[in-house]
Amino acid sequence: MTTSQTVMILVAKKIGGGLATIGLAGAGVGIGVVFGAFLIAYSNNIKIKDELFAYTLLGFALTEAIALFALMMAFLILFT
């Protein structure tokens, strides 16, 4: 490989890694939506707090899993 090809590959990796982290911003918004919906639902019906909290934790875990996948993809793009 020539020097210019190596530089282009490095630049493409940096751009790809940066684009892969967009999923992290989306996950942050998603987590905010999950807990915001929990607060609204809790204020409307206090009696089912435990059930609402269980669903909230499930939503949080699934949203956080997407963030971890996005972070893993960014690391794979940058360091392989």
N, C-alpha and C. Protein backbone atom coordinates (compact mmCIF):
# COMPACT_ATOMS: atom_id res chain seq x y z
N MET A 1 0.84 -1.19 0.00
CA MET A 1 0.00 0.00 0.00
C MET A 1 0.88 1.24 0.00
N THR A 2 0.37 2.24 -0.65
CA THR A 2 1.09 3.50 -0.64
C THR A 2 0.71 4.30 0.59
N THR A 3 1.44 5.35 0.81
CA THR A 3 1.18 6.19 1.97
C THR A 3 -0.19 6.86 1.88
N SER A 4 -0.58 7.28 0.71
CA SER A 4 -1.87 7.96 0.58
C SER A 4 -3.03 6.99 0.82
N GLN A 5 -2.87 5.73 0.43
CA GLN A 5 -3.92 4.75 0.70
C GLN A 5 -4.04 4.47 2.19
N THR A 6 -2.92 4.40 2.88
CA THR A 6 -2.93 4.18 4.32
C THR A 6 -3.60 5.33 5.03
N VAL A 7 -3.30 6.55 4.60
CA VAL A 7 -3.91 7.73 5.21
C VAL A 7 -5.42 7.74 4.97
N MET A 8 -5.84 7.37 3.76
CA MET A 8 -7.27 7.33 3.45
C MET A 8 -7.99 6.29 4.29
N ILE A 9 -7.37 5.16 4.54
CA ILE A 9 -7.98 4.12 5.38
C ILE A 9 -8.12 4.63 6.81
N LEU A 10 -7.10 5.29 7.33
CA LEU A 10 -7.18 5.84 8.68
C LEU A 10 -8.26 6.91 8.80
N VAL A 11 -8.37 7.76 7.80
CA VAL A 11 -9.41 8.79 7.80
C VAL A 11 -10.79 8.16 7.75
N ALA A 12 -10.96 7.13 6.92
CA ALA A 12 -12.24 6.44 6.81
C ALA A 12 -12.61 5.77 8.13
N LYS A 13 -11.63 5.21 8.84
CA LYS A 13 -11.89 4.61 10.15
C LYS A 13 -12.35 5.65 11.15
N LYS A 14 -11.70 6.81 11.15
CA LYS A 14 -12.09 7.87 12.09
C LYS A 14 -13.51 8.36 11.80
N ILE A 15 -13.83 8.54 10.55
CA ILE A 15 -15.18 8.99 10.18
C ILE A 15 -16.21 7.92 10.53
N GLY A 16 -15.91 6.66 10.22
CA GLY A 16 -16.84 5.57 10.52
C GLY A 16 -17.05 5.40 12.01
N GLY A 17 -15.98 5.51 12.79
CA GLY A 17 -16.11 5.42 14.25
C GLY A 17 -16.94 6.55 14.81
N GLY A 18 -16.75 7.75 14.28
CA GLY A 18 -17.56 8.88 14.73
C GLY A 18 -19.02 8.72 14.37
N LEU A 19 -19.29 8.22 13.18
CA LEU A 19 -20.69 8.00 12.79
C LEU A 19 -21.34 6.89 13.60
N ALA A 20 -20.56 5.90 14.02
CA ALA A 20 -21.12 4.81 14.83
C ALA A 20 -21.53 5.29 16.21
N THR A 21 -20.96 6.37 16.69
CA THR A 21 -21.32 6.86 18.02
C THR A 21 -22.61 7.66 18.01
N ILE A 22 -23.20 7.89 16.85
CA ILE A 22 -24.50 8.58 16.80
C ILE A 22 -25.54 7.76 17.56
N GLY A 23 -25.40 6.44 17.54
CA GLY A 23 -26.32 5.58 18.28
C GLY A 23 -26.31 5.85 19.77
N LEU A 24 -25.20 6.32 20.29
CA LEU A 24 -25.12 6.63 21.72
C LEU A 24 -26.00 7.83 22.07
N ALA A 25 -26.06 8.81 21.20
CA ALA A 25 -26.94 9.96 21.45
C ALA A 25 -28.40 9.53 21.40
N GLY A 26 -28.73 8.66 20.46
CA GLY A 26 -30.09 8.16 20.38
C GLY A 26 -30.47 7.35 21.61
N ALA A 27 -29.54 6.60 22.13
CA ALA A 27 -29.81 5.82 23.35
C ALA A 27 -30.02 6.74 24.55
N GLY A 28 -29.27 7.82 24.61
CA GLY A 28 -29.48 8.79 25.70
C GLY A 28 -30.87 9.39 25.66
N VAL A 29 -31.32 9.72 24.48
CA VAL A 29 -32.68 10.24 24.32
C VAL A 29 -33.70 9.17 24.69
N GLY A 30 -33.45 7.94 24.26
CA GLY A 30 -34.37 6.84 24.56
C GLY A 30 -34.50 6.59 26.05
N ILE A 31 -33.39 6.65 26.78
CA ILE A 31 -33.44 6.45 28.23
C ILE A 31 -34.22 7.57 28.90
N GLY A 32 -34.04 8.79 28.41
CA GLY A 32 -34.82 9.90 28.94
C GLY A 32 -36.31 9.73 28.70
N VAL A 33 -36.66 9.22 27.54
CA VAL A 33 -38.08 8.97 27.23
C VAL A 33 -38.65 7.88 28.13
N VAL A 34 -37.87 6.83 28.37
CA VAL A 34 -38.34 5.73 29.22
C VAL A 34 -38.64 6.22 30.63
N PHE A 35 -37.72 6.96 31.22
CA PHE A 35 -37.94 7.42 32.59
C PHE A 35 -38.96 8.55 32.66
N GLY A 36 -39.06 9.36 31.62
CA GLY A 36 -40.11 10.38 31.58
C GLY A 36 -41.48 9.75 31.53
N ALA A 37 -41.63 8.69 30.72
CA ALA A 37 -42.91 7.99 30.65
C ALA A 37 -43.23 7.31 31.98
N PHE A 38 -42.20 6.81 32.66
CA PHE A 38 -42.43 6.21 33.97
C PHE A 38 -42.97 7.24 34.95
N LEU A 39 -42.40 8.42 34.97
CA LEU A 39 -42.89 9.45 35.89
C LEU A 39 -44.32 9.86 35.60
N ILE A 40 -44.66 9.95 34.33
CA ILE A 40 -46.03 10.31 33.97
C ILE A 40 -46.99 9.19 34.38
N ALA A 41 -46.63 7.93 34.08
CA ALA A 41 -47.49 6.81 34.43
C ALA A 41 -47.63 6.67 35.94
N TYR A 42 -46.54 6.89 36.67
CA TYR A 42 -46.58 6.80 38.13
C TYR A 42 -47.45 7.89 38.73
N SER A 43 -47.39 9.07 38.16
CA SER A 43 -48.22 10.15 38.71
C SER A 43 -49.69 9.92 38.41
N ASN A 44 -50.01 9.18 37.36
CA ASN A 44 -51.40 8.89 37.04
C ASN A 44 -51.96 7.72 37.83
N ASN A 45 -51.12 6.75 38.21
CA ASN A 45 -51.60 5.56 38.92
C ASN A 45 -50.53 5.08 39.89
N ILE A 46 -50.62 5.54 41.11
CA ILE A 46 -49.61 5.26 42.13
C ILE A 46 -49.69 3.81 42.61
N LYS A 47 -50.84 3.18 42.48
CA LYS A 47 -51.05 1.84 43.05
C LYS A 47 -50.20 0.76 42.37
N ILE A 48 -49.85 0.93 41.13
CA ILE A 48 -49.09 -0.11 40.41
C ILE A 48 -47.62 0.28 40.23
N LYS A 49 -47.07 0.91 41.26
CA LYS A 49 -45.70 1.40 41.18
C LYS A 49 -44.69 0.28 40.88
N ASP A 50 -44.81 -0.86 41.54
CA ASP A 50 -43.83 -1.94 41.35
C ASP A 50 -43.86 -2.49 39.93
N GLU A 51 -45.06 -2.65 39.38
CA GLU A 51 -45.17 -3.15 38.01
C GLU A 51 -44.61 -2.14 37.01
N LEU A 52 -44.91 -0.87 37.24
CA LEU A 52 -44.39 0.18 36.36
C LEU A 52 -42.87 0.24 36.42
N PHE A 53 -42.32 0.10 37.63
CA PHE A 53 -40.87 0.17 37.77
C PHE A 53 -40.18 -1.01 37.09
N ALA A 54 -40.82 -2.19 37.15
CA ALA A 54 -40.25 -3.36 36.48
C ALA A 54 -40.20 -3.13 34.97
N TYR A 55 -41.29 -2.60 34.40
CA TYR A 55 -41.30 -2.29 32.97
C TYR A 55 -40.28 -1.20 32.62
N THR A 56 -40.11 -0.27 33.52
CA THR A 56 -39.14 0.80 33.28
C THR A 56 -37.72 0.24 33.24
N LEU A 57 -37.40 -0.64 34.16
CA LEU A 57 -36.06 -1.24 34.14
C LEU A 57 -35.84 -2.10 32.90
N LEU A 58 -36.87 -2.78 32.45
CA LEU A 58 -36.76 -3.56 31.22
C LEU A 58 -36.50 -2.63 30.03
N GLY A 59 -37.24 -1.55 29.94
CA GLY A 59 -37.02 -0.59 28.87
C GLY A 59 -35.64 0.04 28.92
N PHE A 60 -35.18 0.34 30.13
CA PHE A 60 -33.84 0.90 30.29
C PHE A 60 -32.78 -0.09 29.83
N ALA A 61 -32.93 -1.36 30.22
CA ALA A 61 -31.94 -2.37 29.86
C ALA A 61 -31.88 -2.57 28.35
N LEU A 62 -33.03 -2.61 27.70
CA LEU A 62 -33.04 -2.79 26.25
C LEU A 62 -32.45 -1.59 25.52
N THR A 63 -32.75 -0.40 26.01
CA THR A 63 -32.20 0.81 25.39
C THR A 63 -30.69 0.88 25.61
N GLU A 64 -30.25 0.52 26.78
CA GLU A 64 -28.81 0.54 27.08
C GLU A 64 -28.07 -0.51 26.26
N ALA A 65 -28.72 -1.63 25.98
CA ALA A 65 -28.09 -2.66 25.15
C ALA A 65 -27.80 -2.13 23.75
N ILE A 66 -28.71 -1.34 23.21
CA ILE A 66 -28.49 -0.75 21.89
C ILE A 66 -27.29 0.21 21.95
N ALA A 67 -27.17 0.96 23.04
CA ALA A 67 -26.03 1.86 23.19
C ALA A 67 -24.72 1.08 23.26
N LEU A 68 -24.73 -0.04 23.95
CA LEU A 68 -23.51 -0.83 24.04
C LEU A 68 -23.14 -1.44 22.70
N PHE A 69 -24.14 -1.84 21.90
CA PHE A 69 -23.84 -2.33 20.56
C PHE A 69 -23.23 -1.23 19.70
N ALA A 70 -23.76 -0.03 19.79
CA ALA A 70 -23.21 1.08 19.01
C ALA A 70 -21.78 1.38 19.43
N LEU A 71 -21.53 1.36 20.73
CA LEU A 71 -20.17 1.61 21.22
C LEU A 71 -19.22 0.50 20.78
N MET A 72 -19.69 -0.74 20.81
CA MET A 72 -18.87 -1.86 20.36
C MET A 72 -18.52 -1.71 18.87
N MET A 73 -19.49 -1.32 18.07
CA MET A 73 -19.23 -1.13 16.65
C MET A 73 -18.20 -0.02 16.42
N ALA A 74 -18.31 1.06 17.18
CA ALA A 74 -17.34 2.15 17.05
C ALA A 74 -15.94 1.66 17.40
N PHE A 75 -15.81 0.89 18.46
CA PHE A 75 -14.50 0.38 18.84
C PHE A 75 -13.95 -0.61 17.81
N LEU A 76 -14.84 -1.45 17.27
CA LEU A 76 -14.39 -2.40 16.24
C LEU A 76 -13.91 -1.66 14.99
N ILE A 77 -14.61 -0.60 14.62
CA ILE A 77 -14.19 0.16 13.44
C ILE A 77 -12.84 0.84 13.69
N LEU A 78 -12.69 1.42 14.86
CA LEU A 78 -11.48 2.20 15.13
C LEU A 78 -10.24 1.33 15.39
N PHE A 79 -10.41 0.21 16.06
CA PHE A 79 -9.23 -0.53 16.55
C PHE A 79 -8.98 -1.86 15.85
N THR A 80 -9.62 -2.09 14.71
CA THR A 80 -9.30 -3.33 13.98
C THR A 80 -8.81 -2.99 12.59
